[in-house]
PDB file of N, CA and C in Angstrom:
ATOM      1  N   UNK A   1     -35.029 -52.435  -9.490  1.00  0.00           N
ATOM      2  CA  UNK A   1     -35.598 -53.687  -8.982  1.00  0.00           C
ATOM      3  C   UNK A   1     -35.712 -53.460  -6.961  1.00  0.00           C
ATOM      4  N   UNK A   2     -34.714 -52.920  -6.699  1.00  0.00           N
ATOM      5  CA  UNK A   2     -34.749 -53.008  -5.439  1.00  0.00           C
ATOM      6  C   UNK A   2     -36.238 -52.793  -4.491  1.00  0.00           C
ATOM      7  N   UNK A   3     -36.937 -52.152  -5.045  1.00  0.00           N
ATOM      8  CA  UNK A   3     -38.206 -51.378  -4.265  1.00  0.00           C
ATOM      9  C   UNK A   3     -39.097 -52.974  -4.238  1.00  0.00           C
ATOM     10  N   UNK A   4     -39.008 -53.887  -5.064  1.00  0.00           N
ATOM     11  CA  UNK A   4     -39.572 -55.279  -4.825  1.00  0.00           C
ATOM     12  C   UNK A   4     -38.760 -56.327  -4.427  1.00  0.00           C
ATOM     13  N   UNK A   5     -39.390 -56.458  -2.976  1.00  0.00           N
ATOM     14  CA  UNK A   5     -38.791 -57.443  -2.322  1.00  0.00           C
ATOM     15  C   UNK A   5     -38.454 -58.811  -2.754  1.00  0.00           C
ATOM     16  N   UNK A   6     -37.746 -59.762  -2.541  1.00  0.00           N
ATOM     17  CA  UNK A   6     -37.295 -61.116  -3.315  1.00  0.00           C
ATOM     18  C   UNK A   6     -38.704 -62.010  -2.796  1.00  0.00           C
ATOM     19  N   UNK A   7     -39.225 -61.820  -1.801  1.00  0.00           N
ATOM     20  CA  UNK A   7     -40.578 -62.986  -1.665  1.00  0.00           C
ATOM     21  C   UNK A   7     -41.693 -61.996  -2.678  1.00  0.00           C
ATOM     22  N   UNK A   8     -41.991 -61.016  -2.731  1.00  0.00           N
ATOM     23  CA  UNK A   8     -42.834 -60.580  -3.492  1.00  0.00           C
ATOM     24  C   UNK A   8     -42.634 -60.812  -5.271  1.00  0.00           C
ATOM     25  N   UNK A   9     -40.850 -60.916  -5.266  1.00  0.00           N
ATOM     26  CA  UNK A   9     -40.171 -61.157  -6.994  1.00  0.00           C
ATOM     27  C   UNK A   9     -41.117 -62.539  -6.995  1.00  0.00           C
ATOM     28  N   UNK A  10     -40.592 -63.788  -5.876  1.00  0.00           N
ATOM     29  CA  UNK A  10     -41.285 -65.004  -6.238  1.00  0.00           C
ATOM     30  C   UNK A  10     -42.426 -65.042  -6.263  1.00  0.00           C
ATOM     31  N   UNK A  11     -43.649 -64.537  -5.597  1.00  0.00           N
ATOM     32  CA  UNK A  11     -44.963 -64.448  -5.787  1.00  0.00           C
ATOM     33  C   UNK A  11     -45.377 -63.946  -7.283  1.00  0.00           C
ATOM     34  N   UNK A  12     -44.340 -63.019  -7.819  1.00  0.00           N
ATOM     35  CA  UNK A  12     -44.799 -62.524  -9.234  1.00  0.00           C
ATOM     36  C   UNK A  12     -44.609 -63.688 -10.388  1.00  0.00           C
ATOM     37  N   UNK A  13     -43.255 -64.256 -10.035  1.00  0.00           N
ATOM     38  CA  UNK A  13     -42.889 -65.376 -11.284  1.00  0.00           C
ATOM     39  C   UNK A  13     -44.033 -66.394 -10.779  1.00  0.00           C
ATOM     40  N   UNK A  14     -44.043 -66.715  -9.597  1.00  0.00           N
ATOM     41  CA  UNK A  14     -45.408 -67.669  -9.625  1.00  0.00           C
ATOM     42  C   UNK A  14     -46.565 -67.662 -10.286  1.00  0.00           C
ATOM     43  N   UNK A  15     -47.181 -66.340 -10.267  1.00  0.00           N
ATOM     44  CA  UNK A  15     -48.163 -65.846 -10.834  1.00  0.00           C
ATOM     45  C   UNK A  15     -47.816 -65.900 -12.240  1.00  0.00           C
ATOM     46  N   UNK A  16     -46.761 -65.353 -12.759  1.00  0.00           N
ATOM     47  CA  UNK A  16     -46.396 -65.428 -14.645  1.00  0.00           C
ATOM     48  C   UNK A  16     -46.372 -66.623 -14.705  1.00  0.00           C
ATOM     49  N   UNK A  17     -45.860 -68.024 -13.987  1.00  0.00           N
ATOM     50  CA  UNK A  17     -46.085 -69.427 -14.688  1.00  0.00           C
ATOM     51  C   UNK A  17     -47.366 -69.872 -14.628  1.00  0.00           C
ATOM     52  N   UNK A  18     -48.276 -69.492 -13.686  1.00  0.00           N
ATOM     53  CA  UNK A  18     -49.703 -70.061 -14.021  1.00  0.00           C
ATOM     54  C   UNK A  18     -50.385 -69.204 -14.996  1.00  0.00           C
ATOM     55  N   UNK A  19     -50.175 -68.165 -15.019  1.00  0.00           N
ATOM     56  CA  UNK A  19     -50.612 -67.616 -16.373  1.00  0.00           C
ATOM     57  C   UNK A  19     -50.340 -68.192 -17.741  1.00  0.00           C
ATOM     58  N   UNK A  20     -49.137 -68.236 -17.629  1.00  0.00           N
ATOM     59  CA  UNK A  20     -48.417 -68.623 -19.074  1.00  0.00           C
ATOM     60  C   UNK A  20     -48.525 -70.282 -19.526  1.00  0.00           C
ATOM     61  N   UNK A  21     -49.517 -70.928 -18.367  1.00  0.00           N
ATOM     62  CA  UNK A  21     -49.656 -72.210 -18.825  1.00  0.00           C
ATOM     63  C   UNK A  21     -51.230 -72.073 -19.359  1.00  0.00           C
ATOM     64  N   UNK A  22     -51.865 -70.932 -19.459  1.00  0.00           N
ATOM     65  CA  UNK A  22     -53.140 -70.642 -19.719  1.00  0.00           C
ATOM     66  C   UNK A  22     -53.308 -69.603 -20.890  1.00  0.00           C
ATOM     67  N   UNK A  23     -54.127 -70.178 -21.843  1.00  0.00           N
ATOM     68  CA  UNK A  23     -54.196 -69.156 -23.194  1.00  0.00           C
ATOM     69  C   UNK A  23     -54.717 -68.015 -22.696  1.00  0.00           C
ATOM     70  N   UNK A  24     -53.972 -66.942 -23.459  1.00  0.00           N
ATOM     71  CA  UNK A  24     -54.817 -65.698 -23.402  1.00  0.00           C
ATOM     72  C   UNK A  24     -55.743 -65.411 -24.500  1.00  0.00           C
ATOM     73  N   UNK A  25     -56.478 -64.656 -24.121  1.00  0.00           N
ATOM     74  CA  UNK A  25     -57.499 -64.354 -25.515  1.00  0.00           C
ATOM     75  C   UNK A  25     -57.123 -63.725 -26.546  1.00  0.00           C
ATOM     76  N   UNK A  26     -57.469 -63.620 -27.656  1.00  0.00           N
ATOM     77  CA  UNK A  26     -57.271 -63.293 -28.930  1.00  0.00           C
ATOM     78  C   UNK A  26     -56.835 -61.817 -28.427  1.00  0.00           C
ATOM     79  N   UNK A  27     -55.543 -61.174 -28.917  1.00  0.00           N
ATOM     80  CA  UNK A  27     -55.519 -59.632 -28.904  1.00  0.00           C
ATOM     81  C   UNK A  27     -54.875 -59.097 -27.913  1.00  0.00           C
ATOM     82  N   UNK A  28     -54.691 -59.990 -26.504  1.00  0.00           N
ATOM     83  CA  UNK A  28     -54.308 -59.341 -25.203  1.00  0.00           C
ATOM     84  C   UNK A  28     -52.985 -59.815 -25.004  1.00  0.00           C
ATOM     85  N   UNK A  29     -52.405 -58.974 -24.450  1.00  0.00           N
ATOM     86  CA  UNK A  29     -50.876 -59.209 -23.972  1.00  0.00           C
ATOM     87  C   UNK A  29     -50.812 -59.454 -22.273  1.00  0.00           C
ATOM     88  N   UNK A  30     -49.688 -59.678 -21.894  1.00  0.00           N
ATOM     89  CA  UNK A  30     -49.809 -59.697 -20.304  1.00  0.00           C
ATOM     90  C   UNK A  30     -48.108 -59.393 -19.772  1.00  0.00           C
ATOM     91  N   UNK A  31     -48.377 -58.095 -19.100  1.00  0.00           N
ATOM     92  CA  UNK A  31     -47.231 -57.606 -18.566  1.00  0.00           C
ATOM     93  C   UNK A  31     -47.469 -57.400 -17.137  1.00  0.00           C
ATOM     94  N   UNK A  32     -46.387 -57.017 -16.509  1.00  0.00           N
ATOM     95  CA  UNK A  32     -46.188 -57.137 -15.115  1.00  0.00           C
ATOM     96  C   UNK A  32     -45.618 -55.682 -14.841  1.00  0.00           C
ATOM     97  N   UNK A  33     -46.312 -54.740 -14.224  1.00  0.00           N
ATOM     98  CA  UNK A  33     -45.715 -53.326 -14.048  1.00  0.00           C
ATOM     99  C   UNK A  33     -45.602 -53.049 -12.599  1.00  0.00           C
ATOM    100  N   UNK A  34     -44.604 -52.373 -12.255  1.00  0.00           N
ATOM    101  CA  UNK A  34     -44.656 -51.873 -10.758  1.00  0.00           C
ATOM    102  C   UNK A  34     -44.751 -50.575 -10.660  1.00  0.00           C
ATOM    103  N   UNK A  35     -45.452 -50.150  -9.367  1.00  0.00           N
ATOM    104  CA  UNK A  35     -45.596 -48.752  -8.915  1.00  0.00           C
ATOM    105  C   UNK A  35     -44.583 -48.390  -7.837  1.00  0.00           C
ATOM    106  N   UNK A  36     -43.812 -47.602  -7.579  1.00  0.00           N
ATOM    107  CA  UNK A  36     -43.293 -47.346  -6.118  1.00  0.00           C
ATOM    108  C   UNK A  36     -43.710 -46.134  -5.820  1.00  0.00           C
ATOM    109  N   UNK A  37     -43.439 -45.988  -4.459  1.00  0.00           N
ATOM    110  CA  UNK A  37     -44.202 -44.902  -3.739  1.00  0.00           C
ATOM    111  C   UNK A  37     -43.258 -44.861  -2.496  1.00  0.00           C
ATOM    112  N   UNK A  38     -42.492 -43.803  -2.410  1.00  0.00           N
ATOM    113  CA  UNK A  38     -41.304 -43.380  -1.745  1.00  0.00           C
ATOM    114  C   UNK A  38     -41.714 -41.914  -1.293  1.00  0.00           C
ATOM    115  N   UNK A  39     -41.655 -42.029   0.292  1.00  0.00           N
ATOM    116  CA  UNK A  39     -42.189 -40.715   1.068  1.00  0.00           C
ATOM    117  C   UNK A  39     -41.263 -39.554   0.454  1.00  0.00           C
ATOM    118  N   UNK A  40     -42.078 -38.462  -0.021  1.00  0.00           N
ATOM    119  CA  UNK A  40     -40.883 -37.108  -0.292  1.00  0.00           C
ATOM    120  C   UNK A  40     -40.726 -37.247  -1.808  1.00  0.00           C
ATOM    121  N   UNK A  41     -41.130 -38.213  -2.647  1.00  0.00           N
ATOM    122  CA  UNK A  41     -40.786 -38.562  -3.860  1.00  0.00           C
ATOM    123  C   UNK A  41     -42.095 -38.623  -4.979  1.00  0.00           C
ATOM    124  N   UNK A  42     -41.672 -38.246  -6.012  1.00  0.00           N
ATOM    125  CA  UNK A  42     -43.302 -38.712  -6.860  1.00  0.00           C
ATOM    126  C   UNK A  42     -43.450 -40.123  -7.207  1.00  0.00           C
ATOM    127  N   UNK A  43     -44.763 -40.888  -7.172  1.00  0.00           N
ATOM    128  CA  UNK A  43     -44.749 -42.065  -7.408  1.00  0.00           C
ATOM    129  C   UNK A  43     -43.702 -42.951  -8.859  1.00  0.00           C
ATOM    130  N   UNK A  44     -43.372 -43.587  -8.878  1.00  0.00           N
ATOM    131  CA  UNK A  44     -42.621 -44.231  -9.967  1.00  0.00           C
ATOM    132  C   UNK A  44     -43.464 -45.386 -10.737  1.00  0.00           C
ATOM    133  N   UNK A  45     -43.710 -45.409 -11.777  1.00  0.00           N
ATOM    134  CA  UNK A  45     -44.161 -46.621 -12.520  1.00  0.00           C
ATOM    135  C   UNK A  45     -43.086 -47.170 -13.460  1.00  0.00           C
ATOM    136  N   UNK A  46     -42.940 -48.354 -13.260  1.00  0.00           N
ATOM    137  CA  UNK A  46     -41.993 -49.265 -14.125  1.00  0.00           C
ATOM    138  C   UNK A  46     -43.099 -50.246 -14.933  1.00  0.00           C
ATOM    139  N   UNK A  47     -43.002 -49.518 -16.551  1.00  0.00           N
ATOM    140  CA  UNK A  47     -43.444 -50.557 -17.067  1.00  0.00           C
ATOM    141  C   UNK A  47     -42.685 -52.026 -17.532  1.00  0.00           C
ATOM    142  N   UNK A  48     -43.870 -52.917 -17.586  1.00  0.00           N
ATOM    143  CA  UNK A  48     -43.241 -54.301 -18.483  1.00  0.00           C
ATOM    144  C   UNK A  48     -42.015 -54.698 -17.153  1.00  0.00           C
ATOM    145  N   UNK A  49     -41.941 -54.788 -15.869  1.00  0.00           N
ATOM    146  CA  UNK A  49     -40.865 -54.974 -14.994  1.00  0.00           C
ATOM    147  C   UNK A  49     -40.340 -56.366 -15.282  1.00  0.00           C
ATOM    148  N   UNK A  50     -40.993 -57.280 -15.540  1.00  0.00           N
ATOM    149  CA  UNK A  50     -40.750 -58.587 -15.875  1.00  0.00           C
ATOM    150  C   UNK A  50     -41.267 -59.079 -17.271  1.00  0.00           C
ATOM    151  N   UNK A  51     -40.665 -59.679 -17.558  1.00  0.00           N
ATOM    152  CA  UNK A  51     -41.187 -60.287 -19.684  1.00  0.00           C
ATOM    153  C   UNK A  51     -41.163 -61.604 -19.071  1.00  0.00           C
ATOM    154  N   UNK A  52     -42.396 -62.189 -19.943  1.00  0.00           N
ATOM    155  CA  UNK A  52     -42.230 -63.925 -19.603  1.00  0.00           C
ATOM    156  C   UNK A  52     -41.678 -64.383 -20.681  1.00  0.00           C
ATOM    157  N   UNK A  53     -41.153 -65.540 -20.679  1.00  0.00           N
ATOM    158  CA  UNK A  53     -40.161 -65.977 -21.550  1.00  0.00           C
ATOM    159  C   UNK A  53     -40.651 -66.262 -22.897  1.00  0.00           C
TER     160      UNK A  53
END
């Protein structure tokens, strides 16, 4: 998780809280993925980096 700055984590947490207060359409799940891009390395995809409570 070090690739995501604290400010970004707070924004994602606020977005998750906002979405948690609204009903999702039937059959849809919500997840937050992270894509990291570092020079000289392949991009990394972290699926379901945060889980809603």
